[in-house]
Structure formats: C-alpha cells, structure tokens
C-alpha cells in the first residue's frame, strides 16, 4: 500500500505533486521525506528548508507536519530525525 501511495503523490523526479490531505497517506509521505535526514545528525532550520524544498515549494508546511507527527524534533531552532522507518 505504501508504494502505491508514494506512486500517487510523487512525480518521476521524486518531487511531491501535492501534499496529501488524508492523514494516513500523509504519514506515508512524511516517512518517505524523513529518509532524507540522517539519524543522529542535527540540522539548522535553513538546511531543513533546503532539503524539503527539493520535494515541494511549501517546505514550511512539510517541516511542521514532520514535527507534529513525530518524524522530526525541534529544539532551539535545531532539528533532528526522531521517527520514521530506519534502514538496517
């Protein structure tokens, strides 16, 4: 199911066509986006914005969704990956 959701929302170049409104589909997309962040690494907000801008122009919404849904944590304008699936 996750692959099908990603196929529906991601263009061939990996950019998001649109941000899903259904929460279950949004979680699949957010998990995919979280893979762009290295576990154990902290990122300043500007770098998070740069990474997310590669996927969709509304990087602020994506950043907020990642934090709200537990994929990333924010403290003192620094971000780090705190959720999502991890490759073994």
Foldseek 3Di string as FASTA:
>chain_A
DLVVLLVVQADPQRAGPDQDPDPVSNVSVLLVLLVLFDAPDKDALVVQQVSQCVHPVPSVVSVVVCCVVQQWDDDPRIIHGGDHDDDD
